[in-house]
Structure formats: C-alpha cells, structure tokens
C-alpha cells in the first residue's frame, strides 16, 4: 500500500474565475495544495501538475478536458486525483485527503 504513483492535476488560469471572486488564484491554490498535502502525507509517490486552461499543453487528455471546462462553464481551479475530479472552484482539503487515502498514500508519522 502507498507505493503506487498518484497524480494530482490542477486545471486553472491566471485570471480568477468570475464566480470565485475573493478566492485565491489557481496557481496559489496549486501551491497551497502541495504544501498542505506535504504536511500530512509522505508525498514521494505524488506527482503534481498544473495545467493553464488558457495555454494547455499539447496533450490529448488536457486538450479535451480544457475544452469541456469552457463548454460546461466549470469553475476553476479544478482538482483531479488520478482520473477522479475531486474539486471544482474552491477545493476542500478533506475531499482531496479522502481521495488520497483511497489510493493508499501514506500519512506522515
């Protein structure tokens, strides 16, 4: 348990989501999540990725998801743990932690 790689992907933009005025920006949320997860979990098995929805990388899965962000008017940042969307808009740590627990990420001693 706890040896499989877990990918955390945050989709966001430099401009704050119109529905999230007053919330931290996507990049700030990305950094905050890394710090919060690193305090609770041994995060050697976690890979973090930030995807700018205004300039997504030329990777099919990212291109497709960014298209749906705009098509479905999703709130960002959007947080995925592996292939599971765990947050849209302002992420809740408890939800992210629950998903990490399901994947067997080890807690700090």
PDB file of N, CA and C in Angstrom:
ATOM      1  N   UNK A   1       0.842  -1.181   0.000  1.00  0.00           N
ATOM      2  CA  UNK A   1       0.000   0.000   0.000  1.00  0.00           C
ATOM      3  C   UNK A   1       0.886   1.244   0.000  1.00  0.00           C
ATOM      4  N   UNK A   2       0.506   2.262  -0.730  1.00  0.00           N
ATOM      5  CA  UNK A   2       1.218   3.517  -0.682  1.00  0.00           C
ATOM      6  C   UNK A   2       2.385   3.618  -1.640  1.00  0.00           C
ATOM      7  N   UNK A   3       2.599   2.602  -2.495  1.00  0.00           N
ATOM      8  CA  UNK A   3       3.738   2.659  -3.399  1.00  0.00           C
ATOM      9  C   UNK A   3       3.346   3.100  -4.804  1.00  0.00           C
ATOM     10  N   UNK A   4       2.086   3.013  -5.151  1.00  0.00           N
ATOM     11  CA  UNK A   4       1.643   3.420  -6.485  1.00  0.00           C
ATOM     12  C   UNK A   4       1.720   4.942  -6.616  1.00  0.00           C
ATOM     13  N   UNK A   5       2.042   5.382  -7.814  1.00  0.00           N
ATOM     14  CA  UNK A   5       2.089   6.826  -8.075  1.00  0.00           C
ATOM     15  C   UNK A   5       0.671   7.384  -8.128  1.00  0.00           C
ATOM     16  N   UNK A   6       0.516   8.557  -7.557  1.00  0.00           N
ATOM     17  CA  UNK A   6      -0.757   9.268  -7.596  1.00  0.00           C
ATOM     18  C   UNK A   6      -0.489  10.600  -8.280  1.00  0.00           C
ATOM     19  N   UNK A   7      -1.324  10.924  -9.253  1.00  0.00           N
ATOM     20  CA  UNK A   7      -1.168  12.186  -9.980  1.00  0.00           C
ATOM     21  C   UNK A   7      -2.234  13.171  -9.524  1.00  0.00           C
ATOM     22  N   UNK A   8      -1.787  14.342  -9.107  1.00  0.00           N
ATOM     23  CA  UNK A   8      -2.717  15.425  -8.772  1.00  0.00           C
ATOM     24  C   UNK A   8      -2.556  16.476  -9.856  1.00  0.00           C
ATOM     25  N   UNK A   9      -3.644  16.729 -10.559  1.00  0.00           N
ATOM     26  CA  UNK A   9      -3.635  17.701 -11.645  1.00  0.00           C
ATOM     27  C   UNK A   9      -4.581  18.835 -11.292  1.00  0.00           C
ATOM     28  N   UNK A  10      -4.086  20.050 -11.413  1.00  0.00           N
ATOM     29  CA  UNK A  10      -4.902  21.238 -11.162  1.00  0.00           C
ATOM     30  C   UNK A  10      -5.019  22.001 -12.474  1.00  0.00           C
ATOM     31  N   UNK A  11      -6.260  22.188 -12.904  1.00  0.00           N
ATOM     32  CA  UNK A  11      -6.543  22.997 -14.085  1.00  0.00           C
ATOM     33  C   UNK A  11      -6.968  24.370 -13.600  1.00  0.00           C
ATOM     34  N   UNK A  12      -6.365  25.404 -14.152  1.00  0.00           N
ATOM     35  CA  UNK A  12      -6.719  26.745 -13.728  1.00  0.00           C
ATOM     36  C   UNK A  12      -6.266  27.776 -14.728  1.00  0.00           C
ATOM     37  N   UNK A  13      -6.368  29.034 -14.332  1.00  0.00           N
ATOM     38  CA  UNK A  13      -5.981  30.139 -15.200  1.00  0.00           C
ATOM     39  C   UNK A  13      -5.426  31.265 -14.341  1.00  0.00           C
ATOM     40  N   UNK A  14      -4.680  32.146 -14.990  1.00  0.00           N
ATOM     41  CA  UNK A  14      -4.138  33.306 -14.283  1.00  0.00           C
ATOM     42  C   UNK A  14      -5.266  34.200 -13.775  1.00  0.00           C
ATOM     43  N   UNK A  15      -6.290  34.378 -14.604  1.00  0.00           N
ATOM     44  CA  UNK A  15      -7.433  35.206 -14.204  1.00  0.00           C
ATOM     45  C   UNK A  15      -8.329  34.386 -13.288  1.00  0.00           C
ATOM     46  N   UNK A  16      -8.768  34.998 -12.204  1.00  0.00           N
ATOM     47  CA  UNK A  16      -9.630  34.301 -11.252  1.00  0.00           C
ATOM     48  C   UNK A  16     -11.009  34.093 -11.873  1.00  0.00           C
ATOM     49  N   UNK A  17     -11.556  32.921 -11.655  1.00  0.00           N
ATOM     50  CA  UNK A  17     -12.879  32.552 -12.145  1.00  0.00           C
ATOM     51  C   UNK A  17     -13.888  33.613 -11.694  1.00  0.00           C
ATOM     52  N   UNK A  18     -14.748  34.035 -12.609  1.00  0.00           N
ATOM     53  CA  UNK A  18     -15.720  35.094 -12.314  1.00  0.00           C
ATOM     54  C   UNK A  18     -16.620  34.737 -11.131  1.00  0.00           C
ATOM     55  N   UNK A  19     -16.898  33.468 -10.945  1.00  0.00           N
ATOM     56  CA  UNK A  19     -17.746  33.035  -9.833  1.00  0.00           C
ATOM     57  C   UNK A  19     -16.966  32.836  -8.544  1.00  0.00           C
ATOM     58  N   UNK A  20     -15.658  33.015  -8.617  1.00  0.00           N
ATOM     59  CA  UNK A  20     -14.809  32.767  -7.441  1.00  0.00           C
ATOM     60  C   UNK A  20     -14.092  34.033  -6.980  1.00  0.00           C
ATOM     61  N   UNK A  21     -14.697  35.177  -7.216  1.00  0.00           N
ATOM     62  CA  UNK A  21     -14.085  36.445  -6.811  1.00  0.00           C
ATOM     63  C   UNK A  21     -13.851  36.414  -5.302  1.00  0.00           C
ATOM     64  N   UNK A  22     -12.680  36.821  -4.891  1.00  0.00           N
ATOM     65  CA  UNK A  22     -12.323  36.791  -3.476  1.00  0.00           C
ATOM     66  C   UNK A  22     -11.579  35.528  -3.091  1.00  0.00           C
ATOM     67  N   UNK A  23     -11.615  34.523  -3.961  1.00  0.00           N
ATOM     68  CA  UNK A  23     -10.895  33.278  -3.700  1.00  0.00           C
ATOM     69  C   UNK A  23      -9.462  33.423  -4.198  1.00  0.00           C
ATOM     70  N   UNK A  24      -8.566  32.583  -3.685  1.00  0.00           N
ATOM     71  CA  UNK A  24      -7.192  32.636  -4.200  1.00  0.00           C
ATOM     72  C   UNK A  24      -7.150  32.205  -5.665  1.00  0.00           C
ATOM     73  N   UNK A  25      -6.125  32.625  -6.371  1.00  0.00           N
ATOM     74  CA  UNK A  25      -5.962  32.246  -7.764  1.00  0.00           C
ATOM     75  C   UNK A  25      -5.620  30.773  -7.910  1.00  0.00           C
ATOM     76  N   UNK A  26      -5.696  30.296  -9.132  1.00  0.00           N
ATOM     77  CA  UNK A  26      -5.433  28.879  -9.410  1.00  0.00           C
ATOM     78  C   UNK A  26      -4.003  28.488  -9.052  1.00  0.00           C
ATOM     79  N   UNK A  27      -3.040  29.299  -9.417  1.00  0.00           N
ATOM     80  CA  UNK A  27      -1.634  28.988  -9.134  1.00  0.00           C
ATOM     81  C   UNK A  27      -1.399  28.975  -7.618  1.00  0.00           C
ATOM     82  N   UNK A  28      -2.008  29.930  -6.903  1.00  0.00           N
ATOM     83  CA  UNK A  28      -1.889  29.953  -5.435  1.00  0.00           C
ATOM     84  C   UNK A  28      -2.507  28.691  -4.834  1.00  0.00           C
ATOM     85  N   UNK A  29      -3.638  28.272  -5.371  1.00  0.00           N
ATOM     86  CA  UNK A  29      -4.303  27.064  -4.884  1.00  0.00           C
ATOM     87  C   UNK A  29      -3.416  25.842  -5.123  1.00  0.00           C
ATOM     88  N   UNK A  30      -2.780  25.785  -6.288  1.00  0.00           N
ATOM     89  CA  UNK A  30      -1.861  24.695  -6.631  1.00  0.00           C
ATOM     90  C   UNK A  30      -0.738  24.605  -5.597  1.00  0.00           C
ATOM     91  N   UNK A  31      -0.131  25.737  -5.283  1.00  0.00           N
ATOM     92  CA  UNK A  31       0.969  25.756  -4.311  1.00  0.00           C
ATOM     93  C   UNK A  31       0.474  25.441  -2.903  1.00  0.00           C
ATOM     94  N   UNK A  32      -0.697  25.956  -2.548  1.00  0.00           N
ATOM     95  CA  UNK A  32      -1.289  25.699  -1.235  1.00  0.00           C
ATOM     96  C   UNK A  32      -1.578  24.210  -1.058  1.00  0.00           C
ATOM     97  N   UNK A  33      -2.146  23.583  -2.091  1.00  0.00           N
ATOM     98  CA  UNK A  33      -2.443  22.146  -2.016  1.00  0.00           C
ATOM     99  C   UNK A  33      -1.169  21.329  -1.820  1.00  0.00           C
ATOM    100  N   UNK A  34      -0.116  21.666  -2.552  1.00  0.00           N
ATOM    101  CA  UNK A  34       1.147  20.936  -2.398  1.00  0.00           C
ATOM    102  C   UNK A  34       1.658  21.036  -0.969  1.00  0.00           C
ATOM    103  N   UNK A  35       1.617  22.240  -0.407  1.00  0.00           N
ATOM    104  CA  UNK A  35       2.099  22.447   0.962  1.00  0.00           C
ATOM    105  C   UNK A  35       1.231  21.684   1.969  1.00  0.00           C
ATOM    106  N   UNK A  36      -0.083  21.767   1.817  1.00  0.00           N
ATOM    107  CA  UNK A  36      -1.000  21.109   2.756  1.00  0.00           C
ATOM    108  C   UNK A  36      -0.852  19.590   2.685  1.00  0.00           C
ATOM    109  N   UNK A  37      -0.768  19.063   1.484  1.00  0.00           N
ATOM    110  CA  UNK A  37      -0.616  17.616   1.318  1.00  0.00           C
ATOM    111  C   UNK A  37       0.734  17.162   1.862  1.00  0.00           C
ATOM    112  N   UNK A  38       1.772  17.944   1.607  1.00  0.00           N
ATOM    113  CA  UNK A  38       3.110  17.602   2.089  1.00  0.00           C
ATOM    114  C   UNK A  38       3.225  17.592   3.602  1.00  0.00           C
ATOM    115  N   UNK A  39       2.393  18.374   4.292  1.00  0.00           N
ATOM    116  CA  UNK A  39       2.412  18.382   5.767  1.00  0.00           C
ATOM    117  C   UNK A  39       1.749  17.135   6.335  1.00  0.00           C
ATOM    118  N   UNK A  40       0.765  16.579   5.616  1.00  0.00           N
ATOM    119  CA  UNK A  40       0.001  15.455   6.151  1.00  0.00           C
ATOM    120  C   UNK A  40       0.474  14.093   5.624  1.00  0.00           C
ATOM    121  N   UNK A  41       0.943  14.088   4.379  1.00  0.00           N
ATOM    122  CA  UNK A  41       1.290  12.833   3.720  1.00  0.00           C
ATOM    123  C   UNK A  41       2.760  12.788   3.331  1.00  0.00           C
ATOM    124  N   UNK A  42       3.274  11.563   3.225  1.00  0.00           N
ATOM    125  CA  UNK A  42       4.593  11.355   2.633  1.00  0.00           C
ATOM    126  C   UNK A  42       4.327  11.419   1.132  1.00  0.00           C
ATOM    127  N   UNK A  43       4.712  12.528   0.516  1.00  0.00           N
ATOM    128  CA  UNK A  43       4.266  12.769  -0.853  1.00  0.00           C
ATOM    129  C   UNK A  43       5.257  12.363  -1.936  1.00  0.00           C
ATOM    130  N   UNK A  44       6.175  11.441  -1.601  1.00  0.00           N
ATOM    131  CA  UNK A  44       7.120  10.951  -2.606  1.00  0.00           C
ATOM    132  C   UNK A  44       6.409  10.275  -3.770  1.00  0.00           C
ATOM    133  N   UNK A  45       5.252   9.684  -3.500  1.00  0.00           N
ATOM    134  CA  UNK A  45       4.517   8.954  -4.542  1.00  0.00           C
ATOM    135  C   UNK A  45       3.523   9.850  -5.285  1.00  0.00           C
ATOM    136  N   UNK A  46       3.519  11.147  -4.980  1.00  0.00           N
ATOM    137  CA  UNK A  46       2.560  12.062  -5.611  1.00  0.00           C
ATOM    138  C   UNK A  46       3.271  12.913  -6.657  1.00  0.00           C
ATOM    139  N   UNK A  47       2.691  12.959  -7.831  1.00  0.00           N
ATOM    140  CA  UNK A  47       3.184  13.838  -8.888  1.00  0.00           C
ATOM    141  C   UNK A  47       2.166  14.955  -9.065  1.00  0.00           C
ATOM    142  N   UNK A  48       2.642  16.190  -9.053  1.00  0.00           N
ATOM    143  CA  UNK A  48       1.776  17.350  -9.201  1.00  0.00           C
ATOM    144  C   UNK A  48       1.920  17.924 -10.607  1.00  0.00           C
ATOM    145  N   UNK A  49       0.801  18.387 -11.154  1.00  0.00           N
ATOM    146  CA  UNK A  49       0.836  19.026 -12.469  1.00  0.00           C
ATOM    147  C   UNK A  49      -0.172  20.169 -12.485  1.00  0.00           C
ATOM    148  N   UNK A  50       0.276  21.308 -12.979  1.00  0.00           N
ATOM    149  CA  UNK A  50      -0.610  22.461 -13.155  1.00  0.00           C
ATOM    150  C   UNK A  50      -0.827  22.649 -14.650  1.00  0.00           C
ATOM    151  N   UNK A  51      -2.093  22.771 -15.052  1.00  0.00           N
ATOM    152  CA  UNK A  51      -2.431  22.974 -16.460  1.00  0.00           C
ATOM    153  C   UNK A  51      -3.161  24.299 -16.582  1.00  0.00           C
ATOM    154  N   UNK A  52      -2.566  25.221 -17.327  1.00  0.00           N
ATOM    155  CA  UNK A  52      -3.189  26.521 -17.585  1.00  0.00           C
ATOM    156  C   UNK A  52      -4.228  26.329 -18.681  1.00  0.00           C
ATOM    157  N   UNK A  53      -5.495  26.582 -18.354  1.00  0.00           N
ATOM    158  CA  UNK A  53      -6.563  26.335 -19.327  1.00  0.00           C
ATOM    159  C   UNK A  53      -6.522  27.314 -20.495  1.00  0.00           C
ATOM    160  N   UNK A  54      -5.814  28.423 -20.347  1.00  0.00           N
ATOM    161  CA  UNK A  54      -5.679  29.368 -21.447  1.00  0.00           C
ATOM    162  C   UNK A  54      -4.537  28.991 -22.389  1.00  0.00           C
ATOM    163  N   UNK A  55      -3.620  28.163 -21.908  1.00  0.00           N
ATOM    164  CA  UNK A  55      -2.481  27.706 -22.721  1.00  0.00           C
ATOM    165  C   UNK A  55      -2.176  26.251 -22.374  1.00  0.00           C
ATOM    166  N   UNK A  56      -3.123  25.339 -22.646  1.00  0.00           N
ATOM    167  CA  UNK A  56      -2.902  23.949 -22.261  1.00  0.00           C
ATOM    168  C   UNK A  56      -1.786  23.303 -23.086  1.00  0.00           C
ATOM    169  N   UNK A  57      -1.097  22.336 -22.482  1.00  0.00           N
ATOM    170  CA  UNK A  57      -0.061  21.627 -23.236  1.00  0.00           C
ATOM    171  C   UNK A  57      -0.696  20.807 -24.356  1.00  0.00           C
ATOM    172  N   UNK A  58       0.098  20.431 -25.309  1.00  0.00           N
ATOM    173  CA  UNK A  58      -0.396  19.674 -26.450  1.00  0.00           C
ATOM    174  C   UNK A  58      -0.480  18.190 -26.085  1.00  0.00           C
ATOM    175  N   UNK A  59      -1.323  17.912 -25.104  1.00  0.00           N
ATOM    176  CA  UNK A  59      -1.563  16.549 -24.631  1.00  0.00           C
ATOM    177  C   UNK A  59      -3.061  16.316 -24.763  1.00  0.00           C
ATOM    178  N   UNK A  60      -3.434  15.249 -25.432  1.00  0.00           N
ATOM    179  CA  UNK A  60      -4.833  14.998 -25.783  1.00  0.00           C
ATOM    180  C   UNK A  60      -5.792  15.098 -24.588  1.00  0.00           C
ATOM    181  N   UNK A  61      -5.466  14.417 -23.476  1.00  0.00           N
ATOM    182  CA  UNK A  61      -6.403  14.429 -22.348  1.00  0.00           C
ATOM    183  C   UNK A  61      -6.580  15.844 -21.791  1.00  0.00           C
ATOM    184  N   UNK A  62      -5.502  16.642 -21.763  1.00  0.00           N
ATOM    185  CA  UNK A  62      -5.608  18.012 -21.265  1.00  0.00           C
ATOM    186  C   UNK A  62      -6.413  18.871 -22.239  1.00  0.00           C
ATOM    187  N   UNK A  63      -6.150  18.715 -23.532  1.00  0.00           N
ATOM    188  CA  UNK A  63      -6.881  19.484 -24.541  1.00  0.00           C
ATOM    189  C   UNK A  63      -8.384  19.193 -24.440  1.00  0.00           C
ATOM    190  N   UNK A  64      -8.736  17.923 -24.317  1.00  0.00           N
ATOM    191  CA  UNK A  64     -10.153  17.539 -24.226  1.00  0.00           C
ATOM    192  C   UNK A  64     -10.804  18.106 -22.970  1.00  0.00           C
ATOM    193  N   UNK A  65     -10.101  18.005 -21.833  1.00  0.00           N
ATOM    194  CA  UNK A  65     -10.714  18.496 -20.604  1.00  0.00           C
ATOM    195  C   UNK A  65     -10.857  20.015 -20.626  1.00  0.00           C
ATOM    196  N   UNK A  66      -9.848  20.716 -21.120  1.00  0.00           N
ATOM    197  CA  UNK A  66      -9.929  22.174 -21.193  1.00  0.00           C
ATOM    198  C   UNK A  66     -11.113  22.584 -22.067  1.00  0.00           C
ATOM    199  N   UNK A  67     -11.336  21.849 -23.138  1.00  0.00           N
ATOM    200  CA  UNK A  67     -12.496  22.126 -23.995  1.00  0.00           C
ATOM    201  C   UNK A  67     -13.791  21.999 -23.175  1.00  0.00           C
ATOM    202  N   UNK A  68     -13.902  20.954 -22.363  1.00  0.00           N
ATOM    203  CA  UNK A  68     -15.114  20.789 -21.559  1.00  0.00           C
ATOM    204  C   UNK A  68     -15.235  21.828 -20.454  1.00  0.00           C
ATOM    205  N   UNK A  69     -14.105  22.360 -19.955  1.00  0.00           N
ATOM    206  CA  UNK A  69     -14.167  23.437 -18.953  1.00  0.00           C
ATOM    207  C   UNK A  69     -14.953  24.611 -19.531  1.00  0.00           C
ATOM    208  N   UNK A  70     -14.630  24.973 -20.764  1.00  0.00           N
ATOM    209  CA  UNK A  70     -15.306  26.104 -21.398  1.00  0.00           C
ATOM    210  C   UNK A  70     -16.714  25.749 -21.858  1.00  0.00           C
ATOM    211  N   UNK A  71     -16.904  24.547 -22.398  1.00  0.00           N
ATOM    212  CA  UNK A  71     -18.219  24.114 -22.875  1.00  0.00           C
ATOM    213  C   UNK A  71     -19.240  24.035 -21.733  1.00  0.00           C
ATOM    214  N   UNK A  72     -18.797  23.533 -20.589  1.00  0.00           N
ATOM    215  CA  UNK A  72     -19.699  23.300 -19.462  1.00  0.00           C
ATOM    216  C   UNK A  72     -19.648  24.409 -18.419  1.00  0.00           C
ATOM    217  N   UNK A  73     -18.877  25.478 -18.691  1.00  0.00           N
ATOM    218  CA  UNK A  73     -18.737  26.590 -17.749  1.00  0.00           C
ATOM    219  C   UNK A  73     -18.359  26.113 -16.342  1.00  0.00           C
ATOM    220  N   UNK A  74     -17.359  25.260 -16.269  1.00  0.00           N
ATOM    221  CA  UNK A  74     -16.906  24.762 -14.970  1.00  0.00           C
ATOM    222  C   UNK A  74     -16.153  25.856 -14.229  1.00  0.00           C
ATOM    223  N   UNK A  75     -16.233  25.818 -12.898  1.00  0.00           N
ATOM    224  CA  UNK A  75     -15.487  26.754 -12.058  1.00  0.00           C
ATOM    225  C   UNK A  75     -14.075  26.217 -11.890  1.00  0.00           C
ATOM    226  N   UNK A  76     -13.111  27.086 -11.867  1.00  0.00           N
ATOM    227  CA  UNK A  76     -11.729  26.643 -11.674  1.00  0.00           C
ATOM    228  C   UNK A  76     -11.121  27.414 -10.522  1.00  0.00           C
ATOM    229  N   UNK A  77     -10.108  26.842  -9.888  1.00  0.00           N
ATOM    230  CA  UNK A  77      -9.361  25.668 -10.290  1.00  0.00           C
ATOM    231  C   UNK A  77     -10.164  24.373 -10.134  1.00  0.00           C
ATOM    232  N   UNK A  78      -9.776  23.402 -10.938  1.00  0.00           N
ATOM    233  CA  UNK A  78     -10.381  22.071 -10.902  1.00  0.00           C
ATOM    234  C   UNK A  78      -9.262  21.114 -10.512  1.00  0.00           C
ATOM    235  N   UNK A  79      -9.540  20.272  -9.527  1.00  0.00           N
ATOM    236  CA  UNK A  79      -8.517  19.370  -8.998  1.00  0.00           C
ATOM    237  C   UNK A  79      -8.899  17.926  -9.306  1.00  0.00           C
ATOM    238  N   UNK A  80      -7.939  17.203  -9.882  1.00  0.00           N
ATOM    239  CA  UNK A  80      -8.087  15.778 -10.135  1.00  0.00           C
ATOM    240  C   UNK A  80      -7.078  15.027  -9.296  1.00  0.00           C
ATOM    241  N   UNK A  81      -7.500  13.888  -8.751  1.00  0.00           N
ATOM    242  CA  UNK A  81      -6.581  12.916  -8.179  1.00  0.00           C
ATOM    243  C   UNK A  81      -6.704  11.709  -9.099  1.00  0.00           C
ATOM    244  N   UNK A  82      -5.618  11.427  -9.800  1.00  0.00           N
ATOM    245  CA  UNK A  82      -5.622  10.473 -10.907  1.00  0.00           C
ATOM    246  C   UNK A  82      -6.722  10.898 -11.875  1.00  0.00           C
ATOM    247  N   UNK A  83      -7.690  10.062 -12.153  1.00  0.00           N
ATOM    248  CA  UNK A  83      -8.722  10.410 -13.135  1.00  0.00           C
ATOM    249  C   UNK A  83     -10.015  10.907 -12.479  1.00  0.00           C
ATOM    250  N   UNK A  84      -9.997  11.097 -11.176  1.00  0.00           N
ATOM    251  CA  UNK A  84     -11.198  11.487 -10.424  1.00  0.00           C
ATOM    252  C   UNK A  84     -11.198  12.984 -10.118  1.00  0.00           C
ATOM    253  N   UNK A  85     -12.244  13.692 -10.590  1.00  0.00           N
ATOM    254  CA  UNK A  85     -12.368  15.109 -10.251  1.00  0.00           C
ATOM    255  C   UNK A  85     -12.828  15.197  -8.804  1.00  0.00           C
ATOM    256  N   UNK A  86     -12.024  15.872  -7.970  1.00  0.00           N
ATOM    257  CA  UNK A  86     -12.348  15.959  -6.546  1.00  0.00           C
ATOM    258  C   UNK A  86     -12.727  17.360  -6.109  1.00  0.00           C
ATOM    259  N   UNK A  87     -12.503  18.358  -6.970  1.00  0.00           N
ATOM    260  CA  UNK A  87     -12.854  19.730  -6.590  1.00  0.00           C
ATOM    261  C   UNK A  87     -13.044  20.583  -7.832  1.00  0.00           C
ATOM    262  N   UNK A  88     -14.023  21.461  -7.734  1.00  0.00           N
ATOM    263  CA  UNK A  88     -14.287  22.454  -8.774  1.00  0.00           C
ATOM    264  C   UNK A  88     -14.528  23.770  -8.052  1.00  0.00           C
ATOM    265  N   UNK A  89     -13.751  24.791  -8.410  1.00  0.00           N
ATOM    266  CA  UNK A  89     -13.852  26.067  -7.703  1.00  0.00           C
ATOM    267  C   UNK A  89     -12.897  26.061  -6.526  1.00  0.00           C
ATOM    268  N   UNK A  90     -13.406  26.271  -5.354  1.00  0.00           N
ATOM    269  CA  UNK A  90     -12.565  26.312  -4.156  1.00  0.00           C
ATOM    270  C   UNK A  90     -12.476  24.897  -3.573  1.00  0.00           C
ATOM    271  N   UNK A  91     -11.286  24.268  -3.626  1.00  0.00           N
ATOM    272  CA  UNK A  91     -11.168  22.881  -3.154  1.00  0.00           C
ATOM    273  C   UNK A  91     -11.243  22.774  -1.639  1.00  0.00           C
ATOM    274  N   UNK A  92     -11.819  21.679  -1.183  1.00  0.00           N
ATOM    275  CA  UNK A  92     -11.853  21.369   0.246  1.00  0.00           C
ATOM    276  C   UNK A  92     -10.803  20.296   0.517  1.00  0.00           C
ATOM    277  N   UNK A  93      -9.927  20.575   1.476  1.00  0.00           N
ATOM    278  CA  UNK A  93      -8.856  19.638   1.782  1.00  0.00           C
ATOM    279  C   UNK A  93      -9.383  18.257   2.153  1.00  0.00           C
ATOM    280  N   UNK A  94     -10.465  18.204   2.906  1.00  0.00           N
ATOM    281  CA  UNK A  94     -10.998  16.920   3.357  1.00  0.00           C
ATOM    282  C   UNK A  94     -11.326  16.013   2.175  1.00  0.00           C
ATOM    283  N   UNK A  95     -11.896  16.596   1.117  1.00  0.00           N
ATOM    284  CA  UNK A  95     -12.249  15.812  -0.066  1.00  0.00           C
ATOM    285  C   UNK A  95     -10.996  15.288  -0.761  1.00  0.00           C
ATOM    286  N   UNK A  96      -9.993  16.144  -0.887  1.00  0.00           N
ATOM    287  CA  UNK A  96      -8.724  15.738  -1.513  1.00  0.00           C
ATOM    288  C   UNK A  96      -8.062  14.662  -0.650  1.00  0.00           C
ATOM    289  N   UNK A  97      -8.019  14.866   0.657  1.00  0.00           N
ATOM    290  CA  UNK A  97      -7.415  13.893   1.562  1.00  0.00           C
ATOM    291  C   UNK A  97      -8.123  12.534   1.477  1.00  0.00           C
ATOM    292  N   UNK A  98      -9.452  12.549   1.422  1.00  0.00           N
ATOM    293  CA  UNK A  98     -10.204  11.290   1.326  1.00  0.00           C
ATOM    294  C   UNK A  98      -9.794  10.502   0.086  1.00  0.00           C
ATOM    295  N   UNK A  99      -9.608  11.205  -1.022  1.00  0.00           N
ATOM    296  CA  UNK A  99      -9.209  10.530  -2.262  1.00  0.00           C
ATOM    297  C   UNK A  99      -7.785   9.992  -2.144  1.00  0.00           C
ATOM    298  N   UNK A 100      -6.891  10.754  -1.521  1.00  0.00           N
ATOM    299  CA  UNK A 100      -5.521  10.266  -1.319  1.00  0.00           C
ATOM    300  C   UNK A 100      -5.513   9.030  -0.424  1.00  0.00           C
ATOM    301  N   UNK A 101      -6.371   9.032   0.608  1.00  0.00           N
ATOM    302  CA  UNK A 101      -6.485   7.864   1.487  1.00  0.00           C
ATOM    303  C   UNK A 101      -6.934   6.639   0.698  1.00  0.00           C
ATOM    304  N   UNK A 102      -7.889   6.813  -0.210  1.00  0.00           N
ATOM    305  CA  UNK A 102      -8.382   5.701  -1.036  1.00  0.00           C
ATOM    306  C   UNK A 102      -7.258   5.099  -1.881  1.00  0.00           C
ATOM    307  N   UNK A 103      -6.289   5.929  -2.273  1.00  0.00           N
ATOM    308  CA  UNK A 103      -5.187   5.468  -3.102  1.00  0.00           C
ATOM    309  C   UNK A 103      -4.003   4.975  -2.270  1.00  0.00           C
ATOM    310  N   UNK A 104      -4.172   4.969  -0.955  1.00  0.00           N
ATOM    311  CA  UNK A 104      -3.141   4.410  -0.089  1.00  0.00           C
ATOM    312  C   UNK A 104      -1.908   5.279   0.111  1.00  0.00           C
ATOM    313  N   UNK A 105      -2.036   6.587  -0.084  1.00  0.00           N
ATOM    314  CA  UNK A 105      -0.898   7.464   0.159  1.00  0.00           C
ATOM    315  C   UNK A 105      -0.634   7.465   1.668  1.00  0.00           C
ATOM    316  N   UNK A 106       0.617   7.262   2.046  1.00  0.00           N
ATOM    317  CA  UNK A 106       0.973   7.109   3.456  1.00  0.00           C
ATOM    318  C   UNK A 106       0.987   8.438   4.195  1.00  0.00           C
ATOM    319  N   UNK A 107       0.465   8.403   5.415  1.00  0.00           N
ATOM    320  CA  UNK A 107       0.475   9.576   6.288  1.00  0.00           C
ATOM    321  C   UNK A 107       1.859   9.754   6.888  1.00  0.00           C
ATOM    322  N   UNK A 108       2.169  10.994   7.224  1.00  0.00           N
ATOM    323  CA  UNK A 108       3.417  11.259   7.948  1.00  0.00           C
ATOM    324  C   UNK A 108       3.263  10.708   9.358  1.00  0.00           C
ATOM    325  N   UNK A 109       4.381  10.293   9.936  1.00  0.00           N
ATOM    326  CA  UNK A 109       4.378   9.715  11.270  1.00  0.00           C
ATOM    327  C   UNK A 109       4.124  10.720  12.284  1.00  0.00           C
TER     328      UNK A 109
END
